[in-house]
Amino acid sequence: MAQEGQRVYELYDSGLITDMYWKTDNSGAVLILEADNLDQAREQLGSLPMDQHGMTTFTYIPITPLASLLPRPQGAVTP
């Protein structure tokens, strides 16, 4: 388990993992990743020891910022 924690913090330090949460029903963790694409996310999380030993699974959900919260160029018209 120490190797798992070490690798998680390496991925956090690298900027891949940006946030970590524990689900309130104690069914697992939620990791927020900053990756170029799903393949990169899968490859990097595949380096976790628990994943390599088939002890965990991941569900990947691509997300993007809400457009309404992104900075608007000066003079842009709001729809």
N, C-alpha and C. Protein backbone atom coordinates (compact mmCIF):
# COMPACT_ATOMS: atom_id res chain seq x y z
N MET A 1 0.82 -1.20 0.00
CA MET A 1 0.00 0.00 0.00
C MET A 1 0.87 1.26 0.00
N ALA A 2 2.03 1.19 0.62
CA ALA A 2 2.92 2.35 0.64
C ALA A 2 3.37 2.71 -0.77
N GLN A 3 3.60 1.70 -1.61
CA GLN A 3 4.00 1.97 -3.00
C GLN A 3 2.88 2.66 -3.76
N GLU A 4 1.63 2.28 -3.48
CA GLU A 4 0.48 2.91 -4.13
C GLU A 4 0.42 4.38 -3.76
N GLY A 5 0.52 4.67 -2.46
CA GLY A 5 0.49 6.06 -2.01
C GLY A 5 1.63 6.87 -2.60
N GLN A 6 2.80 6.28 -2.65
CA GLN A 6 3.96 6.97 -3.23
C GLN A 6 3.70 7.32 -4.69
N ARG A 7 3.16 6.36 -5.45
CA ARG A 7 2.91 6.61 -6.88
C ARG A 7 1.80 7.65 -7.07
N VAL A 8 0.77 7.61 -6.24
CA VAL A 8 -0.30 8.61 -6.32
C VAL A 8 0.28 10.00 -6.11
N TYR A 9 1.13 10.16 -5.12
CA TYR A 9 1.71 11.48 -4.86
C TYR A 9 2.70 11.89 -5.95
N GLU A 10 3.36 10.94 -6.58
CA GLU A 10 4.20 11.27 -7.74
C GLU A 10 3.34 11.82 -8.88
N LEU A 11 2.18 11.18 -9.12
CA LEU A 11 1.28 11.65 -10.17
C LEU A 11 0.67 13.01 -9.80
N TYR A 12 0.44 13.23 -8.51
CA TYR A 12 -0.05 14.52 -8.05
C TYR A 12 1.03 15.59 -8.26
N ASP A 13 2.24 15.28 -7.86
CA ASP A 13 3.34 16.23 -8.03
C ASP A 13 3.62 16.55 -9.50
N SER A 14 3.35 15.60 -10.39
CA SER A 14 3.58 15.81 -11.82
C SER A 14 2.49 16.68 -12.45
N GLY A 15 1.37 16.87 -11.72
CA GLY A 15 0.27 17.67 -12.25
C GLY A 15 -0.82 16.85 -12.92
N LEU A 16 -0.63 15.54 -13.04
CA LEU A 16 -1.68 14.71 -13.65
C LEU A 16 -2.91 14.67 -12.74
N ILE A 17 -2.70 14.32 -11.48
CA ILE A 17 -3.80 14.34 -10.52
C ILE A 17 -3.85 15.73 -9.91
N THR A 18 -5.02 16.39 -10.07
CA THR A 18 -5.14 17.75 -9.55
C THR A 18 -5.94 17.80 -8.25
N ASP A 19 -6.84 16.84 -8.06
CA ASP A 19 -7.68 16.79 -6.86
C ASP A 19 -7.96 15.34 -6.52
N MET A 20 -8.11 15.07 -5.23
CA MET A 20 -8.43 13.72 -4.75
C MET A 20 -9.54 13.83 -3.72
N TYR A 21 -10.56 13.00 -3.85
CA TYR A 21 -11.70 13.00 -2.92
C TYR A 21 -12.01 11.56 -2.54
N TRP A 22 -12.58 11.39 -1.36
CA TRP A 22 -13.08 10.10 -0.92
C TRP A 22 -14.60 10.16 -0.97
N LYS A 23 -15.24 9.17 -1.59
CA LYS A 23 -16.70 9.15 -1.69
C LYS A 23 -17.30 8.93 -0.30
N THR A 24 -18.36 9.67 0.01
CA THR A 24 -18.95 9.60 1.35
C THR A 24 -19.57 8.25 1.67
N ASP A 25 -19.86 7.44 0.64
CA ASP A 25 -20.37 6.10 0.91
C ASP A 25 -19.24 5.09 1.11
N ASN A 26 -18.01 5.58 1.16
CA ASN A 26 -16.80 4.76 1.38
C ASN A 26 -16.57 3.70 0.30
N SER A 27 -17.10 3.94 -0.89
CA SER A 27 -16.95 2.95 -1.96
C SER A 27 -15.71 3.21 -2.82
N GLY A 28 -14.96 4.23 -2.52
CA GLY A 28 -13.75 4.48 -3.29
C GLY A 28 -13.40 5.95 -3.38
N ALA A 29 -12.40 6.20 -4.19
CA ALA A 29 -11.89 7.55 -4.35
C ALA A 29 -12.31 8.13 -5.70
N VAL A 30 -12.27 9.44 -5.78
CA VAL A 30 -12.48 10.16 -7.04
C VAL A 30 -11.22 10.99 -7.27
N LEU A 31 -10.60 10.77 -8.41
CA LEU A 31 -9.41 11.53 -8.78
C LEU A 31 -9.75 12.43 -9.95
N ILE A 32 -9.41 13.69 -9.86
CA ILE A 32 -9.57 14.63 -10.96
C ILE A 32 -8.21 14.74 -11.64
N LEU A 33 -8.20 14.47 -12.95
CA LEU A 33 -6.94 14.45 -13.69
C LEU A 33 -6.88 15.59 -14.69
N GLU A 34 -5.70 16.04 -14.97
CA GLU A 34 -5.44 17.02 -16.04
C GLU A 34 -4.54 16.29 -17.04
N ALA A 35 -5.18 15.74 -18.07
CA ALA A 35 -4.47 14.95 -19.07
C ALA A 35 -4.78 15.47 -20.46
N ASP A 36 -3.87 15.24 -21.40
CA ASP A 36 -4.09 15.67 -22.78
C ASP A 36 -5.21 14.89 -23.44
N ASN A 37 -5.37 13.62 -23.04
CA ASN A 37 -6.40 12.77 -23.64
C ASN A 37 -6.62 11.56 -22.74
N LEU A 38 -7.63 10.75 -23.08
CA LEU A 38 -7.95 9.58 -22.26
C LEU A 38 -6.83 8.55 -22.27
N ASP A 39 -6.15 8.40 -23.39
CA ASP A 39 -5.05 7.44 -23.45
C ASP A 39 -3.96 7.78 -22.44
N GLN A 40 -3.63 9.06 -22.34
CA GLN A 40 -2.61 9.48 -21.38
C GLN A 40 -3.08 9.20 -19.96
N ALA A 41 -4.34 9.50 -19.67
CA ALA A 41 -4.88 9.25 -18.33
C ALA A 41 -4.82 7.77 -18.00
N ARG A 42 -5.25 6.93 -18.93
CA ARG A 42 -5.22 5.47 -18.70
C ARG A 42 -3.79 4.97 -18.51
N GLU A 43 -2.88 5.44 -19.33
CA GLU A 43 -1.49 5.00 -19.23
C GLU A 43 -0.89 5.37 -17.87
N GLN A 44 -1.11 6.60 -17.44
CA GLN A 44 -0.53 7.05 -16.18
C GLN A 44 -1.15 6.34 -14.98
N LEU A 45 -2.47 6.19 -14.96
CA LEU A 45 -3.09 5.48 -13.84
C LEU A 45 -2.76 4.00 -13.89
N GLY A 46 -2.45 3.49 -15.07
CA GLY A 46 -2.01 2.11 -15.20
C GLY A 46 -0.69 1.84 -14.53
N SER A 47 0.03 2.89 -14.15
CA SER A 47 1.30 2.73 -13.46
C SER A 47 1.12 2.54 -11.95
N LEU A 48 -0.12 2.66 -11.48
CA LEU A 48 -0.38 2.44 -10.05
C LEU A 48 -0.29 0.95 -9.73
N PRO A 49 0.41 0.58 -8.66
CA PRO A 49 0.56 -0.84 -8.32
C PRO A 49 -0.76 -1.60 -8.20
N MET A 50 -1.78 -1.00 -7.60
CA MET A 50 -3.06 -1.70 -7.45
C MET A 50 -3.70 -1.98 -8.80
N ASP A 51 -3.52 -1.08 -9.75
CA ASP A 51 -4.04 -1.31 -11.10
C ASP A 51 -3.25 -2.42 -11.79
N GLN A 52 -1.95 -2.41 -11.63
CA GLN A 52 -1.10 -3.43 -12.24
C GLN A 52 -1.42 -4.82 -11.73
N HIS A 53 -1.91 -4.92 -10.50
CA HIS A 53 -2.25 -6.21 -9.91
C HIS A 53 -3.75 -6.52 -10.00
N GLY A 54 -4.49 -5.74 -10.79
CA GLY A 54 -5.92 -6.00 -10.99
C GLY A 54 -6.77 -5.80 -9.75
N MET A 55 -6.31 -4.95 -8.83
CA MET A 55 -7.02 -4.74 -7.57
C MET A 55 -7.92 -3.51 -7.57
N THR A 56 -7.97 -2.81 -8.68
CA THR A 56 -8.79 -1.60 -8.76
C THR A 56 -9.28 -1.42 -10.19
N THR A 57 -10.32 -0.65 -10.33
CA THR A 57 -10.81 -0.27 -11.66
C THR A 57 -11.06 1.23 -11.67
N PHE A 58 -11.02 1.79 -12.84
CA PHE A 58 -11.27 3.22 -13.00
C PHE A 58 -12.39 3.43 -14.00
N THR A 59 -13.19 4.44 -13.76
CA THR A 59 -14.17 4.91 -14.73
C THR A 59 -13.69 6.28 -15.16
N TYR A 60 -13.53 6.46 -16.45
CA TYR A 60 -13.02 7.72 -16.99
C TYR A 60 -14.18 8.52 -17.54
N ILE A 61 -14.32 9.74 -17.08
CA ILE A 61 -15.39 10.63 -17.52
C ILE A 61 -14.75 11.93 -18.00
N PRO A 62 -14.66 12.15 -19.31
CA PRO A 62 -14.08 13.41 -19.80
C PRO A 62 -14.95 14.60 -19.38
N ILE A 63 -14.32 15.64 -18.91
CA ILE A 63 -15.04 16.85 -18.51
C ILE A 63 -14.33 18.07 -19.09
N THR A 64 -15.02 19.18 -19.11
CA THR A 64 -14.47 20.44 -19.59
C THR A 64 -15.08 21.57 -18.75
N PRO A 65 -14.42 22.70 -18.63
CA PRO A 65 -14.99 23.81 -17.85
C PRO A 65 -16.31 24.29 -18.47
N LEU A 66 -17.18 24.79 -17.63
CA LEU A 66 -18.41 25.40 -18.12
C LEU A 66 -18.05 26.66 -18.91
N ALA A 67 -18.54 26.75 -20.13
CA ALA A 67 -18.22 27.89 -20.98
C ALA A 67 -18.65 29.20 -20.32
N SER A 68 -19.72 29.16 -19.56
CA SER A 68 -20.21 30.39 -18.93
C SER A 68 -19.27 30.90 -17.84
N LEU A 69 -18.35 30.06 -17.38
CA LEU A 69 -17.42 30.48 -16.34
C LEU A 69 -16.04 30.83 -16.89
N LEU A 70 -15.84 30.63 -18.19
CA LEU A 70 -14.55 30.96 -18.80
C LEU A 70 -14.43 32.46 -18.98
N PRO A 71 -13.23 32.99 -18.87
CA PRO A 71 -13.05 34.43 -19.13
C PRO A 71 -13.48 34.79 -20.55
N ARG A 72 -14.14 35.91 -20.70
CA ARG A 72 -14.59 36.37 -22.01
C ARG A 72 -13.65 37.48 -22.50
N PRO A 73 -13.34 37.45 -23.80
CA PRO A 73 -12.55 38.56 -24.34
C PRO A 73 -13.32 39.87 -24.17
N GLN A 74 -12.62 40.95 -23.97
CA GLN A 74 -13.26 42.24 -23.79
C GLN A 74 -14.09 42.55 -25.03
N GLY A 75 -15.32 42.96 -24.81
CA GLY A 75 -16.21 43.31 -25.90
C GLY A 75 -17.02 42.14 -26.44
N ALA A 76 -16.81 40.92 -25.89
CA ALA A 76 -17.56 39.74 -26.36
C ALA A 76 -19.01 39.88 -25.96
N VAL A 77 -19.89 39.41 -26.81
CA VAL A 77 -21.32 39.46 -26.57
C VAL A 77 -21.74 38.19 -25.83
N THR A 78 -22.50 38.34 -24.75
CA THR A 78 -23.00 37.21 -23.99
C THR A 78 -24.29 36.73 -24.64
N PRO A 79 -24.39 35.43 -24.96
CA PRO A 79 -25.62 34.93 -25.59
C PRO A 79 -26.80 35.01 -24.67
